[in-house]
């Protein structure tokens, strides 16, 4: 495999590896590969953590019987999800500091694909790292990024960390 030369991609602004994460086990399991690639290229790692907006569709109205109750519950739920995400970002930041890696964190609430493509266009990383889908038979959320949309929207290489080579957390 021919690897792109990081210095030829961003000669003036430094090299960035974008690690995109949206809370699934596959995404979390891709962290070691993202860190390894950033270390190999002495690159900054841009860590995008997306809190998927799908929780908004989960709020049934059977017990949330008025708009103000629904809104209050939605605000509470979003706050909890963002707090959990901030804890994850802090843990990842500490791993980067221990490896002496330059690091930036990006927390977004929204559609994971949209957030990923917008940030990739803005940052122009040398590559994007994501996790793979959870294998059948493994418990957990089966959320995934539609690869056709991601591939059409990116103008940099996409690395999908294979499930089998990822360590358990």
N, C-alpha and C. Protein backbone atom coordinates (compact mmCIF):
# COMPACT_ATOMS: atom_id res chain seq x y z
N UNK A 1 0.84 -1.18 0.00
CA UNK A 1 0.00 0.00 0.00
C UNK A 1 0.89 1.24 0.00
N UNK A 2 0.57 2.21 -0.81
CA UNK A 2 1.30 3.47 -0.85
C UNK A 2 0.62 4.44 0.08
N UNK A 3 1.37 4.92 1.06
CA UNK A 3 0.81 5.88 2.00
C UNK A 3 0.99 7.29 1.46
N UNK A 4 -0.01 8.16 1.65
CA UNK A 4 0.17 9.54 1.24
C UNK A 4 1.28 10.17 2.09
N UNK A 5 1.99 11.11 1.52
CA UNK A 5 3.02 11.81 2.27
C UNK A 5 2.35 12.97 2.99
N UNK A 6 2.29 12.92 4.32
CA UNK A 6 1.59 13.97 5.05
C UNK A 6 2.06 15.37 4.71
N UNK A 7 3.39 15.58 4.55
CA UNK A 7 3.88 16.92 4.29
C UNK A 7 3.41 17.45 2.94
N UNK A 8 3.06 16.56 2.01
CA UNK A 8 2.59 17.03 0.71
C UNK A 8 1.11 17.42 0.76
N UNK A 9 0.43 17.03 1.81
CA UNK A 9 -1.00 17.33 1.90
C UNK A 9 -1.24 18.68 2.56
N UNK A 10 -0.52 18.98 3.63
CA UNK A 10 -0.68 20.24 4.33
C UNK A 10 0.69 20.84 4.65
N UNK A 11 1.39 21.37 3.66
CA UNK A 11 2.75 21.83 3.91
C UNK A 11 2.84 23.00 4.87
N UNK A 12 1.83 23.86 4.94
CA UNK A 12 1.95 25.05 5.78
C UNK A 12 1.29 24.90 7.14
N UNK A 13 0.18 24.19 7.23
CA UNK A 13 -0.57 24.16 8.47
C UNK A 13 -0.29 22.96 9.35
N UNK A 14 0.64 22.11 8.99
CA UNK A 14 0.89 20.91 9.77
C UNK A 14 -0.04 19.80 9.34
N UNK A 15 0.22 18.63 9.85
CA UNK A 15 -0.52 17.44 9.47
C UNK A 15 -1.54 17.12 10.55
N UNK A 16 -2.73 16.80 10.11
CA UNK A 16 -3.81 16.47 11.03
C UNK A 16 -4.44 15.14 10.63
N UNK A 17 -4.66 14.27 11.61
CA UNK A 17 -5.44 13.05 11.45
C UNK A 17 -6.77 13.30 12.14
N UNK A 18 -7.87 13.16 11.41
CA UNK A 18 -9.20 13.37 11.99
C UNK A 18 -9.76 12.03 12.42
N UNK A 19 -9.98 11.87 13.72
CA UNK A 19 -10.60 10.68 14.27
C UNK A 19 -12.05 11.02 14.58
N UNK A 20 -12.96 10.42 13.84
CA UNK A 20 -14.38 10.72 14.00
C UNK A 20 -15.05 9.61 14.81
N UNK A 21 -15.86 10.02 15.75
CA UNK A 21 -16.39 9.11 16.75
C UNK A 21 -17.83 9.53 17.06
N UNK A 22 -18.74 8.58 17.15
CA UNK A 22 -20.11 8.94 17.49
C UNK A 22 -20.71 8.02 18.56
N UNK A 23 -19.85 7.48 19.39
CA UNK A 23 -20.33 6.79 20.58
C UNK A 23 -20.52 5.30 20.48
N UNK A 24 -20.41 4.71 19.29
CA UNK A 24 -20.60 3.28 19.19
C UNK A 24 -19.33 2.55 19.63
N UNK A 25 -19.46 1.28 19.90
CA UNK A 25 -18.31 0.47 20.29
C UNK A 25 -17.27 0.42 19.17
N UNK A 26 -17.71 0.30 17.94
CA UNK A 26 -16.77 0.29 16.81
C UNK A 26 -15.97 1.58 16.74
N UNK A 27 -16.64 2.70 17.00
CA UNK A 27 -15.95 3.99 16.98
C UNK A 27 -14.92 4.06 18.11
N UNK A 28 -15.32 3.65 19.29
CA UNK A 28 -14.38 3.68 20.43
C UNK A 28 -13.20 2.74 20.19
N UNK A 29 -13.44 1.63 19.54
CA UNK A 29 -12.38 0.66 19.29
C UNK A 29 -11.38 1.13 18.24
N UNK A 30 -11.69 2.18 17.50
CA UNK A 30 -10.78 2.72 16.49
C UNK A 30 -9.73 3.66 17.08
N UNK A 31 -9.88 4.02 18.34
CA UNK A 31 -8.95 4.96 18.97
C UNK A 31 -7.49 4.53 18.84
N UNK A 32 -7.14 3.26 19.13
CA UNK A 32 -5.72 2.87 19.05
C UNK A 32 -5.13 3.10 17.66
N UNK A 33 -5.89 2.83 16.60
CA UNK A 33 -5.37 3.04 15.25
C UNK A 33 -5.18 4.53 14.97
N UNK A 34 -6.14 5.35 15.38
CA UNK A 34 -6.01 6.80 15.17
C UNK A 34 -4.77 7.33 15.89
N UNK A 35 -4.56 6.88 17.11
CA UNK A 35 -3.38 7.32 17.87
C UNK A 35 -2.09 6.83 17.21
N UNK A 36 -2.09 5.59 16.76
CA UNK A 36 -0.90 5.03 16.09
C UNK A 36 -0.54 5.82 14.84
N UNK A 37 -1.54 6.14 14.02
CA UNK A 37 -1.28 6.89 12.79
C UNK A 37 -0.77 8.31 13.10
N UNK A 38 -1.36 8.94 14.09
CA UNK A 38 -0.91 10.28 14.47
C UNK A 38 0.53 10.24 14.98
N UNK A 39 0.86 9.23 15.77
CA UNK A 39 2.24 9.09 16.25
C UNK A 39 3.20 8.83 15.10
N UNK A 40 2.83 7.95 14.20
CA UNK A 40 3.69 7.59 13.07
C UNK A 40 4.05 8.81 12.23
N UNK A 41 3.06 9.68 12.02
CA UNK A 41 3.28 10.84 11.16
C UNK A 41 3.61 12.10 11.96
N UNK A 42 3.72 11.95 13.27
CA UNK A 42 3.94 13.11 14.14
C UNK A 42 2.91 14.19 13.83
N UNK A 43 1.68 13.76 13.74
CA UNK A 43 0.57 14.62 13.35
C UNK A 43 -0.24 15.04 14.57
N UNK A 44 -0.91 16.13 14.43
CA UNK A 44 -1.93 16.52 15.41
C UNK A 44 -3.11 15.59 15.20
N UNK A 45 -3.80 15.26 16.27
CA UNK A 45 -5.01 14.46 16.13
C UNK A 45 -6.21 15.34 16.46
N UNK A 46 -7.11 15.43 15.50
CA UNK A 46 -8.36 16.15 15.70
C UNK A 46 -9.42 15.11 15.99
N UNK A 47 -9.98 15.20 17.18
CA UNK A 47 -10.94 14.20 17.65
C UNK A 47 -12.34 14.78 17.58
N UNK A 48 -13.13 14.28 16.67
CA UNK A 48 -14.52 14.70 16.53
C UNK A 48 -15.40 13.69 17.25
N UNK A 49 -16.13 14.17 18.23
CA UNK A 49 -17.11 13.32 18.92
C UNK A 49 -18.48 13.92 18.66
N UNK A 50 -19.32 13.14 18.00
CA UNK A 50 -20.66 13.60 17.64
C UNK A 50 -21.67 12.92 18.57
N UNK A 51 -22.48 13.73 19.21
CA UNK A 51 -23.63 13.21 19.95
C UNK A 51 -24.76 13.17 18.94
N UNK A 52 -25.14 11.96 18.49
CA UNK A 52 -26.18 11.88 17.46
C UNK A 52 -27.50 12.50 17.93
N UNK A 53 -28.13 13.23 17.05
CA UNK A 53 -29.38 13.89 17.38
C UNK A 53 -30.56 12.92 17.38
N UNK A 54 -30.30 11.63 17.18
CA UNK A 54 -31.39 10.65 17.11
C UNK A 54 -32.18 10.55 18.40
N UNK A 55 -31.61 10.99 19.52
CA UNK A 55 -32.34 10.94 20.79
C UNK A 55 -33.62 11.76 20.72
N UNK A 56 -33.66 12.79 19.89
CA UNK A 56 -34.85 13.62 19.77
C UNK A 56 -36.05 12.86 19.25
N UNK A 57 -35.78 11.84 18.43
CA UNK A 57 -36.86 11.03 17.88
C UNK A 57 -37.34 9.97 18.86
N UNK A 58 -36.60 9.77 19.95
CA UNK A 58 -36.94 8.72 20.91
C UNK A 58 -37.92 9.20 21.97
N UNK A 59 -38.22 10.46 21.98
CA UNK A 59 -39.08 10.99 23.04
C UNK A 59 -40.54 10.81 22.68
N UNK A 60 -41.13 9.72 23.15
CA UNK A 60 -42.55 9.51 22.93
C UNK A 60 -43.34 10.52 23.73
N UNK A 61 -44.58 10.69 23.38
CA UNK A 61 -45.36 11.70 24.10
C UNK A 61 -46.41 11.08 25.01
N UNK A 62 -46.31 9.76 25.27
CA UNK A 62 -47.31 9.14 26.12
C UNK A 62 -47.26 9.69 27.55
N UNK A 63 -46.08 9.91 28.10
CA UNK A 63 -46.00 10.47 29.44
C UNK A 63 -45.53 11.91 29.42
N UNK A 64 -44.99 12.34 28.28
CA UNK A 64 -44.58 13.74 28.13
C UNK A 64 -45.76 14.47 27.51
N UNK A 65 -46.74 14.79 28.35
CA UNK A 65 -48.05 15.17 27.84
C UNK A 65 -48.20 16.63 27.43
N UNK A 66 -47.15 17.41 27.51
CA UNK A 66 -47.26 18.76 26.97
C UNK A 66 -45.90 19.22 26.45
N UNK A 67 -45.92 20.27 25.66
CA UNK A 67 -44.70 20.72 24.97
C UNK A 67 -43.63 21.15 25.96
N UNK A 68 -43.99 21.80 27.04
CA UNK A 68 -42.97 22.27 27.98
C UNK A 68 -42.31 21.09 28.70
N UNK A 69 -43.06 20.06 29.02
CA UNK A 69 -42.49 18.86 29.65
C UNK A 69 -41.55 18.16 28.67
N UNK A 70 -41.99 18.04 27.43
CA UNK A 70 -41.15 17.43 26.39
C UNK A 70 -39.86 18.21 26.21
N UNK A 71 -39.95 19.53 26.13
CA UNK A 71 -38.77 20.37 25.95
C UNK A 71 -37.82 20.26 27.14
N UNK A 72 -38.38 20.26 28.35
CA UNK A 72 -37.54 20.14 29.55
C UNK A 72 -36.82 18.80 29.57
N UNK A 73 -37.55 17.72 29.22
CA UNK A 73 -36.92 16.41 29.19
C UNK A 73 -35.85 16.36 28.10
N UNK A 74 -36.12 16.93 26.94
CA UNK A 74 -35.14 16.97 25.86
C UNK A 74 -33.88 17.72 26.26
N UNK A 75 -34.05 18.84 26.94
CA UNK A 75 -32.89 19.61 27.41
C UNK A 75 -32.08 18.80 28.41
N UNK A 76 -32.78 18.12 29.32
CA UNK A 76 -32.09 17.28 30.31
C UNK A 76 -31.31 16.16 29.63
N UNK A 77 -31.95 15.48 28.70
CA UNK A 77 -31.32 14.36 28.01
C UNK A 77 -30.11 14.83 27.21
N UNK A 78 -30.24 15.93 26.49
CA UNK A 78 -29.11 16.45 25.71
C UNK A 78 -27.96 16.83 26.65
N UNK A 79 -28.30 17.44 27.79
CA UNK A 79 -27.26 17.81 28.76
C UNK A 79 -26.51 16.57 29.25
N UNK A 80 -27.23 15.50 29.56
CA UNK A 80 -26.60 14.26 30.03
C UNK A 80 -25.68 13.66 28.96
N UNK A 81 -26.17 13.63 27.72
CA UNK A 81 -25.37 13.08 26.62
C UNK A 81 -24.11 13.91 26.38
N UNK A 82 -24.23 15.22 26.44
CA UNK A 82 -23.06 16.09 26.25
C UNK A 82 -22.08 15.93 27.40
N UNK A 83 -22.57 15.79 28.63
CA UNK A 83 -21.67 15.56 29.77
C UNK A 83 -20.90 14.25 29.60
N UNK A 84 -21.58 13.19 29.19
CA UNK A 84 -20.91 11.92 28.94
C UNK A 84 -19.85 12.08 27.84
N UNK A 85 -20.20 12.81 26.79
CA UNK A 85 -19.26 13.04 25.70
C UNK A 85 -18.05 13.83 26.18
N UNK A 86 -18.27 14.83 27.02
CA UNK A 86 -17.15 15.62 27.54
C UNK A 86 -16.23 14.76 28.40
N UNK A 87 -16.79 13.82 29.14
CA UNK A 87 -15.95 12.91 29.92
C UNK A 87 -15.09 12.05 29.00
N UNK A 88 -15.68 11.59 27.90
CA UNK A 88 -14.91 10.80 26.94
C UNK A 88 -13.81 11.64 26.31
N UNK A 89 -14.13 12.87 25.93
CA UNK A 89 -13.13 13.76 25.34
C UNK A 89 -11.97 13.98 26.30
N UNK A 90 -12.27 14.15 27.57
CA UNK A 90 -11.21 14.37 28.56
C UNK A 90 -10.32 13.13 28.67
N UNK A 91 -10.90 11.95 28.68
CA UNK A 91 -10.10 10.72 28.76
C UNK A 91 -9.21 10.58 27.52
N UNK A 92 -9.73 10.91 26.35
CA UNK A 92 -8.95 10.83 25.12
C UNK A 92 -7.84 11.88 25.15
N UNK A 93 -8.15 13.07 25.64
CA UNK A 93 -7.15 14.13 25.76
C UNK A 93 -5.99 13.67 26.65
N UNK A 94 -6.31 13.00 27.73
CA UNK A 94 -5.27 12.50 28.64
C UNK A 94 -4.40 11.44 27.96
N UNK A 95 -5.00 10.57 27.13
CA UNK A 95 -4.20 9.59 26.38
C UNK A 95 -3.26 10.29 25.40
N UNK A 96 -3.76 11.33 24.75
CA UNK A 96 -2.91 12.09 23.81
C UNK A 96 -1.77 12.78 24.55
N UNK A 97 -2.06 13.36 25.70
CA UNK A 97 -1.01 14.03 26.47
C UNK A 97 0.05 13.03 26.92
N UNK A 98 -0.37 11.84 27.32
CA UNK A 98 0.58 10.81 27.76
C UNK A 98 1.49 10.38 26.61
N UNK A 99 1.00 10.47 25.37
CA UNK A 99 1.78 10.11 24.19
C UNK A 99 2.49 11.32 23.58
N UNK A 100 2.32 12.48 24.20
CA UNK A 100 2.91 13.74 23.72
C UNK A 100 2.42 14.08 22.31
N UNK A 101 1.12 13.87 22.09
CA UNK A 101 0.49 14.18 20.80
C UNK A 101 -0.28 15.50 20.91
N UNK A 102 -0.09 16.35 19.92
CA UNK A 102 -0.92 17.55 19.86
C UNK A 102 -2.35 17.10 19.58
N UNK A 103 -3.31 17.74 20.22
CA UNK A 103 -4.69 17.25 20.18
C UNK A 103 -5.66 18.43 20.19
N UNK A 104 -6.71 18.29 19.40
CA UNK A 104 -7.83 19.22 19.48
C UNK A 104 -9.11 18.40 19.53
N UNK A 105 -10.05 18.85 20.33
CA UNK A 105 -11.33 18.14 20.49
C UNK A 105 -12.44 18.97 19.86
N UNK A 106 -13.35 18.26 19.21
CA UNK A 106 -14.50 18.88 18.57
C UNK A 106 -15.74 18.11 19.00
N UNK A 107 -16.64 18.76 19.71
CA UNK A 107 -17.89 18.13 20.16
C UNK A 107 -19.04 18.76 19.39
N UNK A 108 -19.80 17.92 18.71
CA UNK A 108 -20.94 18.40 17.93
C UNK A 108 -22.17 17.57 18.29
N UNK A 109 -23.33 18.19 18.25
CA UNK A 109 -24.61 17.49 18.39
C UNK A 109 -25.28 17.59 17.03
N UNK A 110 -25.62 16.44 16.47
CA UNK A 110 -26.27 16.46 15.16
C UNK A 110 -26.15 15.14 14.45
N UNK A 111 -26.29 15.19 13.15
CA UNK A 111 -26.18 14.01 12.30
C UNK A 111 -24.69 13.70 12.12
N UNK A 112 -24.22 12.48 12.50
CA UNK A 112 -22.79 12.17 12.43
C UNK A 112 -22.15 12.41 11.07
N UNK A 113 -22.79 12.00 9.98
CA UNK A 113 -22.20 12.18 8.66
C UNK A 113 -22.02 13.66 8.34
N UNK A 114 -23.05 14.44 8.59
CA UNK A 114 -22.98 15.87 8.31
C UNK A 114 -21.87 16.53 9.11
N UNK A 115 -21.79 16.21 10.40
CA UNK A 115 -20.75 16.79 11.26
C UNK A 115 -19.36 16.39 10.78
N UNK A 116 -19.19 15.13 10.40
CA UNK A 116 -17.90 14.64 9.92
C UNK A 116 -17.49 15.36 8.64
N UNK A 117 -18.37 15.42 7.67
CA UNK A 117 -18.03 16.02 6.38
C UNK A 117 -17.76 17.52 6.51
N UNK A 118 -18.53 18.20 7.34
CA UNK A 118 -18.30 19.64 7.54
C UNK A 118 -16.95 19.89 8.18
N UNK A 119 -16.60 19.13 9.21
CA UNK A 119 -15.32 19.34 9.89
C UNK A 119 -14.15 18.94 9.00
N UNK A 120 -14.31 17.87 8.23
CA UNK A 120 -13.24 17.46 7.31
C UNK A 120 -12.97 18.53 6.26
N UNK A 121 -14.03 19.16 5.75
CA UNK A 121 -13.84 20.25 4.78
C UNK A 121 -13.12 21.44 5.44
N UNK A 122 -13.47 21.71 6.67
CA UNK A 122 -12.87 22.84 7.39
C UNK A 122 -11.41 22.59 7.74
N UNK A 123 -11.09 21.40 8.26
CA UNK A 123 -9.75 21.11 8.76
C UNK A 123 -8.78 20.62 7.69
N UNK A 124 -9.29 20.00 6.66
CA UNK A 124 -8.47 19.40 5.60
C UNK A 124 -7.40 18.46 6.17
N UNK A 125 -7.83 17.41 6.88
CA UNK A 125 -6.86 16.46 7.45
C UNK A 125 -6.20 15.64 6.35
N UNK A 126 -5.10 14.97 6.72
CA UNK A 126 -4.42 14.10 5.77
C UNK A 126 -5.23 12.82 5.56
N UNK A 127 -5.98 12.41 6.58
CA UNK A 127 -6.89 11.28 6.46
C UNK A 127 -7.88 11.30 7.60
N UNK A 128 -8.93 10.50 7.44
CA UNK A 128 -9.99 10.36 8.45
C UNK A 128 -9.99 8.92 8.91
N UNK A 129 -10.09 8.72 10.23
CA UNK A 129 -10.16 7.38 10.82
C UNK A 129 -11.52 7.22 11.48
N UNK A 130 -12.20 6.12 11.15
CA UNK A 130 -13.46 5.77 11.80
C UNK A 130 -13.39 4.30 12.20
N UNK A 131 -14.33 3.88 13.02
CA UNK A 131 -14.43 2.48 13.41
C UNK A 131 -15.34 1.72 12.47
N UNK A 132 -15.29 0.41 12.60
CA UNK A 132 -16.12 -0.44 11.75
C UNK A 132 -17.43 -0.78 12.44
N UNK A 133 -18.32 -1.35 11.67
CA UNK A 133 -19.61 -1.79 12.23
C UNK A 133 -19.40 -2.95 13.18
N UNK A 134 -20.28 -3.03 14.13
CA UNK A 134 -20.25 -4.12 15.09
C UNK A 134 -20.66 -5.41 14.38
N UNK A 135 -19.92 -6.49 14.61
CA UNK A 135 -20.28 -7.76 13.97
C UNK A 135 -21.63 -8.28 14.47
N UNK A 136 -22.28 -9.05 13.65
CA UNK A 136 -23.54 -9.68 14.07
C UNK A 136 -23.27 -10.54 15.29
N UNK A 137 -24.22 -10.55 16.20
CA UNK A 137 -24.09 -11.36 17.39
C UNK A 137 -23.44 -10.65 18.56
N UNK A 138 -22.86 -9.47 18.33
CA UNK A 138 -22.26 -8.69 19.41
C UNK A 138 -23.29 -7.66 19.86
N UNK A 139 -23.59 -7.64 21.15
CA UNK A 139 -24.61 -6.74 21.67
C UNK A 139 -24.19 -5.29 21.55
N UNK A 140 -25.16 -4.40 21.40
CA UNK A 140 -24.89 -2.98 21.36
C UNK A 140 -25.67 -2.26 20.29
N UNK A 141 -25.50 -0.95 20.25
CA UNK A 141 -26.17 -0.10 19.27
C UNK A 141 -25.63 -0.41 17.88
N UNK A 142 -26.50 -0.59 16.92
CA UNK A 142 -26.08 -0.92 15.57
C UNK A 142 -26.14 0.33 14.68
N UNK A 143 -25.75 1.45 15.21
CA UNK A 143 -25.70 2.68 14.43
C UNK A 143 -24.43 2.66 13.59
N UNK A 144 -24.49 3.17 12.39
CA UNK A 144 -23.31 3.21 11.53
C UNK A 144 -23.42 4.38 10.56
N UNK A 145 -22.29 4.74 10.02
CA UNK A 145 -22.24 5.80 9.03
C UNK A 145 -22.50 5.19 7.65
N UNK A 146 -23.34 5.80 6.84
CA UNK A 146 -23.54 5.30 5.47
C UNK A 146 -22.29 5.60 4.65
N UNK A 147 -21.50 4.57 4.38
CA UNK A 147 -20.20 4.76 3.75
C UNK A 147 -20.27 5.42 2.38
N UNK A 148 -21.31 5.13 1.60
CA UNK A 148 -21.40 5.75 0.28
C UNK A 148 -21.46 7.26 0.40
N UNK A 149 -22.20 7.77 1.36
CA UNK A 149 -22.31 9.21 1.57
C UNK A 149 -20.98 9.78 2.06
N UNK A 150 -20.34 9.08 2.98
CA UNK A 150 -19.05 9.53 3.52
C UNK A 150 -18.01 9.57 2.40
N UNK A 151 -17.92 8.51 1.63
CA UNK A 151 -16.91 8.44 0.57
C UNK A 151 -17.12 9.50 -0.51
N UNK A 152 -18.37 9.77 -0.85
CA UNK A 152 -18.64 10.82 -1.84
C UNK A 152 -18.30 12.20 -1.29
N UNK A 153 -18.45 12.39 0.01
CA UNK A 153 -18.25 13.71 0.61
C UNK A 153 -16.83 14.03 1.01
N UNK A 154 -15.99 13.02 1.18
CA UNK A 154 -14.60 13.26 1.60
C UNK A 154 -13.69 13.43 0.39
N UNK A 155 -12.68 14.25 0.55
CA UNK A 155 -11.67 14.36 -0.51
C UNK A 155 -10.30 13.96 0.03
N UNK A 156 -10.29 13.17 1.10
CA UNK A 156 -9.07 12.62 1.69
C UNK A 156 -9.31 11.13 1.94
N UNK A 157 -8.22 10.36 2.13
CA UNK A 157 -8.41 8.93 2.40
C UNK A 157 -9.21 8.68 3.69
N UNK A 158 -10.00 7.62 3.65
CA UNK A 158 -10.77 7.17 4.80
C UNK A 158 -10.19 5.84 5.25
N UNK A 159 -9.84 5.75 6.53
CA UNK A 159 -9.33 4.51 7.11
C UNK A 159 -10.40 3.98 8.06
N UNK A 160 -10.83 2.75 7.83
CA UNK A 160 -11.82 2.10 8.70
C UNK A 160 -11.07 1.06 9.52
N UNK A 161 -11.01 1.28 10.81
CA UNK A 161 -10.31 0.36 11.69
C UNK A 161 -11.10 -0.94 11.79
N UNK A 162 -10.49 -2.06 11.43
CA UNK A 162 -11.22 -3.33 11.49
C UNK A 162 -11.53 -3.73 12.93
N UNK A 163 -12.69 -4.29 13.13
CA UNK A 163 -13.14 -4.70 14.46
C UNK A 163 -12.17 -5.71 15.06
N UNK A 164 -11.75 -6.68 14.29
CA UNK A 164 -10.95 -7.79 14.81
C UNK A 164 -9.59 -7.35 15.32
N UNK A 165 -9.04 -6.26 14.81
CA UNK A 165 -7.72 -5.83 15.25
C UNK A 165 -7.78 -4.83 16.37
N UNK A 166 -8.98 -4.49 16.81
CA UNK A 166 -9.14 -3.45 17.84
C UNK A 166 -9.21 -4.11 19.21
N UNK A 167 -8.61 -3.45 20.17
CA UNK A 167 -8.65 -3.96 21.54
C UNK A 167 -9.98 -3.65 22.19
N UNK A 168 -10.36 -4.46 23.15
CA UNK A 168 -11.60 -4.21 23.89
C UNK A 168 -11.38 -3.14 24.92
N UNK A 169 -12.43 -2.38 25.21
CA UNK A 169 -12.36 -1.33 26.24
C UNK A 169 -13.16 -1.74 27.41
